[in-house]
């Protein structure tokens, strides 16, 4: 049996953004499964979270990378986010900063930034 492939998304808990991100990542990376690490307002959480909170995210990424073989981590922000209600330009900046943070953690993965717009379509912010 062929081994299943994984990618990882640090995504909002908002259910409206789950499927667009899953489908986009499956198509873009040819992965079957997307490990979801969810928080309300994930970019704000990453940039303002405590050391303990960030350690928990790092642990989850480590499981996805080490146990599932994930080769990419996407940081996702979206339109109309209740957990981080800022406009698109501010959110795009937060996504870029969050991607740099994830890169600084030293996982052997590609880190990308995605934005889900008001049509629930995925836009690439940074690759």
C-alpha atoms as a PDB file:
ATOM      1  CA  UNK A   1       0.000   0.000   0.000  1.00  0.00           C
ATOM      2  CA  UNK A   2       1.327   3.470  -0.903  1.00  0.00           C
ATOM      3  CA  UNK A   3       2.236   5.779   1.952  1.00  0.00           C
ATOM      4  CA  UNK A   4      -0.185   8.669   2.439  1.00  0.00           C
ATOM      5  CA  UNK A   5       1.201  12.165   2.162  1.00  0.00           C
ATOM      6  CA  UNK A   6       0.685  15.087   4.529  1.00  0.00           C
ATOM      7  CA  UNK A   7       0.990  18.851   4.675  1.00  0.00           C
ATOM      8  CA  UNK A   8       0.318  21.149   7.636  1.00  0.00           C
ATOM      9  CA  UNK A   9      -1.784  24.276   8.065  1.00  0.00           C
ATOM     10  CA  UNK A  10      -1.845  26.678  10.984  1.00  0.00           C
ATOM     11  CA  UNK A  11      -5.375  27.819  10.328  1.00  0.00           C
ATOM     12  CA  UNK A  12      -8.254  29.610  11.977  1.00  0.00           C
ATOM     13  CA  UNK A  13     -10.788  27.582  13.914  1.00  0.00           C
ATOM     14  CA  UNK A  14     -13.482  29.175  11.696  1.00  0.00           C
ATOM     15  CA  UNK A  15     -15.108  26.282   9.826  1.00  0.00           C
ATOM     16  CA  UNK A  16     -15.563  28.368   6.677  1.00  0.00           C
ATOM     17  CA  UNK A  17     -11.850  28.300   5.910  1.00  0.00           C
ATOM     18  CA  UNK A  18     -11.098  24.633   6.531  1.00  0.00           C
ATOM     19  CA  UNK A  19     -12.215  23.112   3.224  1.00  0.00           C
ATOM     20  CA  UNK A  20     -10.836  25.839   0.939  1.00  0.00           C
ATOM     21  CA  UNK A  21      -7.405  25.443   2.545  1.00  0.00           C
ATOM     22  CA  UNK A  22      -7.540  21.643   2.531  1.00  0.00           C
ATOM     23  CA  UNK A  23      -8.548  21.493  -1.125  1.00  0.00           C
ATOM     24  CA  UNK A  24      -6.005  24.110  -2.203  1.00  0.00           C
ATOM     25  CA  UNK A  25      -3.140  22.374  -0.405  1.00  0.00           C
ATOM     26  CA  UNK A  26      -4.154  18.945  -1.702  1.00  0.00           C
ATOM     27  CA  UNK A  27      -4.169  20.261  -5.251  1.00  0.00           C
ATOM     28  CA  UNK A  28      -1.049  22.406  -4.955  1.00  0.00           C
ATOM     29  CA  UNK A  29       1.134  19.859  -3.143  1.00  0.00           C
ATOM     30  CA  UNK A  30      -0.454  16.564  -4.182  1.00  0.00           C
ATOM     31  CA  UNK A  31      -0.983  15.644  -0.545  1.00  0.00           C
ATOM     32  CA  UNK A  32      -3.803  13.503   0.683  1.00  0.00           C
ATOM     33  CA  UNK A  33      -4.085  14.806   4.238  1.00  0.00           C
ATOM     34  CA  UNK A  34      -3.705  18.230   5.817  1.00  0.00           C
ATOM     35  CA  UNK A  35      -2.845  18.313   9.510  1.00  0.00           C
ATOM     36  CA  UNK A  36      -4.725  21.282  10.976  1.00  0.00           C
ATOM     37  CA  UNK A  37      -3.406  23.304  13.887  1.00  0.00           C
ATOM     38  CA  UNK A  38      -6.256  25.682  14.661  1.00  0.00           C
ATOM     39  CA  UNK A  39      -6.565  28.817  16.740  1.00  0.00           C
ATOM     40  CA  UNK A  40      -8.936  31.767  16.706  1.00  0.00           C
ATOM     41  CA  UNK A  41      -6.990  34.379  14.725  1.00  0.00           C
ATOM     42  CA  UNK A  42      -3.877  32.248  14.114  1.00  0.00           C
ATOM     43  CA  UNK A  43      -1.590  35.063  12.944  1.00  0.00           C
ATOM     44  CA  UNK A  44      -2.378  37.148  16.016  1.00  0.00           C
ATOM     45  CA  UNK A  45      -1.919  34.024  18.138  1.00  0.00           C
ATOM     46  CA  UNK A  46       1.512  33.347  16.632  1.00  0.00           C
ATOM     47  CA  UNK A  47       2.694  36.947  16.946  1.00  0.00           C
ATOM     48  CA  UNK A  48       1.291  37.649  20.415  1.00  0.00           C
ATOM     49  CA  UNK A  49       1.151  34.211  22.036  1.00  0.00           C
ATOM     50  CA  UNK A  50       3.034  33.276  25.161  1.00  0.00           C
ATOM     51  CA  UNK A  51       6.122  31.100  25.052  1.00  0.00           C
ATOM     52  CA  UNK A  52       4.046  28.152  26.308  1.00  0.00           C
ATOM     53  CA  UNK A  53       1.429  28.686  23.591  1.00  0.00           C
ATOM     54  CA  UNK A  54       4.078  28.851  20.883  1.00  0.00           C
ATOM     55  CA  UNK A  55       5.804  25.759  22.284  1.00  0.00           C
ATOM     56  CA  UNK A  56       2.493  23.892  21.902  1.00  0.00           C
ATOM     57  CA  UNK A  57       2.308  24.922  18.231  1.00  0.00           C
ATOM     58  CA  UNK A  58       5.928  23.855  17.702  1.00  0.00           C
ATOM     59  CA  UNK A  59       5.149  20.461  19.254  1.00  0.00           C
ATOM     60  CA  UNK A  60       2.214  19.978  16.882  1.00  0.00           C
ATOM     61  CA  UNK A  61       4.296  20.973  13.858  1.00  0.00           C
ATOM     62  CA  UNK A  62       6.965  18.534  15.025  1.00  0.00           C
ATOM     63  CA  UNK A  63       4.446  15.697  15.144  1.00  0.00           C
ATOM     64  CA  UNK A  64       3.205  16.545  11.659  1.00  0.00           C
ATOM     65  CA  UNK A  65       6.737  16.752  10.257  1.00  0.00           C
ATOM     66  CA  UNK A  66       8.382  13.889  12.169  1.00  0.00           C
ATOM     67  CA  UNK A  67       5.512  11.383  12.353  1.00  0.00           C
ATOM     68  CA  UNK A  68       3.498  12.235   9.222  1.00  0.00           C
ATOM     69  CA  UNK A  69       6.292  13.437   6.950  1.00  0.00           C
ATOM     70  CA  UNK A  70       4.784  16.841   6.244  1.00  0.00           C
ATOM     71  CA  UNK A  71       6.989  18.911   3.970  1.00  0.00           C
ATOM     72  CA  UNK A  72       5.090  22.200   4.030  1.00  0.00           C
ATOM     73  CA  UNK A  73       3.532  24.396   6.723  1.00  0.00           C
ATOM     74  CA  UNK A  74       1.006  27.033   5.677  1.00  0.00           C
ATOM     75  CA  UNK A  75       0.102  29.955   7.915  1.00  0.00           C
ATOM     76  CA  UNK A  76      -3.430  31.034   7.068  1.00  0.00           C
ATOM     77  CA  UNK A  77      -5.353  34.248   7.657  1.00  0.00           C
ATOM     78  CA  UNK A  78      -8.807  35.011   6.345  1.00  0.00           C
ATOM     79  CA  UNK A  79     -11.501  37.541   5.604  1.00  0.00           C
ATOM     80  CA  UNK A  80     -13.967  38.357   8.389  1.00  0.00           C
ATOM     81  CA  UNK A  81     -11.955  36.692  11.153  1.00  0.00           C
ATOM     82  CA  UNK A  82     -13.652  37.100  14.533  1.00  0.00           C
ATOM     83  CA  UNK A  83     -10.449  36.222  16.409  1.00  0.00           C
ATOM     84  CA  UNK A  84      -8.340  38.833  14.600  1.00  0.00           C
ATOM     85  CA  UNK A  85     -10.643  41.440  13.021  1.00  0.00           C
ATOM     86  CA  UNK A  86      -8.157  43.503  11.000  1.00  0.00           C
ATOM     87  CA  UNK A  87      -8.227  44.494   7.348  1.00  0.00           C
ATOM     88  CA  UNK A  88      -6.602  42.491   4.572  1.00  0.00           C
ATOM     89  CA  UNK A  89      -3.431  44.583   4.345  1.00  0.00           C
ATOM     90  CA  UNK A  90      -2.738  44.273   8.071  1.00  0.00           C
ATOM     91  CA  UNK A  91      -3.522  40.552   7.927  1.00  0.00           C
ATOM     92  CA  UNK A  92      -1.166  40.066   4.961  1.00  0.00           C
ATOM     93  CA  UNK A  93       1.634  41.681   6.986  1.00  0.00           C
ATOM     94  CA  UNK A  94       0.851  39.433   9.939  1.00  0.00           C
ATOM     95  CA  UNK A  95       0.882  36.383   7.673  1.00  0.00           C
ATOM     96  CA  UNK A  96       4.333  37.326   6.351  1.00  0.00           C
ATOM     97  CA  UNK A  97       5.674  37.886   9.891  1.00  0.00           C
ATOM     98  CA  UNK A  98       4.160  34.591  11.052  1.00  0.00           C
ATOM     99  CA  UNK A  99       5.752  32.689   8.172  1.00  0.00           C
ATOM    100  CA  UNK A 100       9.143  34.140   9.130  1.00  0.00           C
ATOM    101  CA  UNK A 101       8.530  33.047  12.729  1.00  0.00           C
ATOM    102  CA  UNK A 102       7.714  29.492  11.636  1.00  0.00           C
ATOM    103  CA  UNK A 103      10.828  29.443   9.433  1.00  0.00           C
ATOM    104  CA  UNK A 104      12.925  30.530  12.431  1.00  0.00           C
ATOM    105  CA  UNK A 105      11.887  27.395  14.324  1.00  0.00           C
ATOM    106  CA  UNK A 106      14.174  25.299  12.113  1.00  0.00           C
ATOM    107  CA  UNK A 107      11.811  22.649  10.789  1.00  0.00           C
ATOM    108  CA  UNK A 108      12.938  21.134   7.495  1.00  0.00           C
ATOM    109  CA  UNK A 109       9.802  22.284   5.639  1.00  0.00           C
ATOM    110  CA  UNK A 110       8.654  24.954   3.243  1.00  0.00           C
ATOM    111  CA  UNK A 111       6.683  27.637   5.074  1.00  0.00           C
ATOM    112  CA  UNK A 112       4.096  29.587   3.107  1.00  0.00           C
ATOM    113  CA  UNK A 113       1.464  32.215   3.839  1.00  0.00           C
ATOM    114  CA  UNK A 114      -2.112  32.003   2.605  1.00  0.00           C
ATOM    115  CA  UNK A 115      -5.143  34.298   2.779  1.00  0.00           C
ATOM    116  CA  UNK A 116      -8.726  33.126   2.295  1.00  0.00           C
ATOM    117  CA  UNK A 117     -10.664  35.993   0.732  1.00  0.00           C
ATOM    118  CA  UNK A 118     -14.326  37.046   0.882  1.00  0.00           C
ATOM    119  CA  UNK A 119     -15.154  34.531  -1.876  1.00  0.00           C
ATOM    120  CA  UNK A 120     -13.572  31.756   0.257  1.00  0.00           C
ATOM    121  CA  UNK A 121     -10.779  31.389  -2.291  1.00  0.00           C
ATOM    122  CA  UNK A 122      -7.153  30.859  -1.294  1.00  0.00           C
ATOM    123  CA  UNK A 123      -4.611  33.521  -2.232  1.00  0.00           C
ATOM    124  CA  UNK A 124      -0.861  33.078  -1.846  1.00  0.00           C
ATOM    125  CA  UNK A 125       0.693  35.827   0.291  1.00  0.00           C
ATOM    126  CA  UNK A 126       4.206  34.410   0.462  1.00  0.00           C
ATOM    127  CA  UNK A 127       6.004  31.264  -0.682  1.00  0.00           C
END
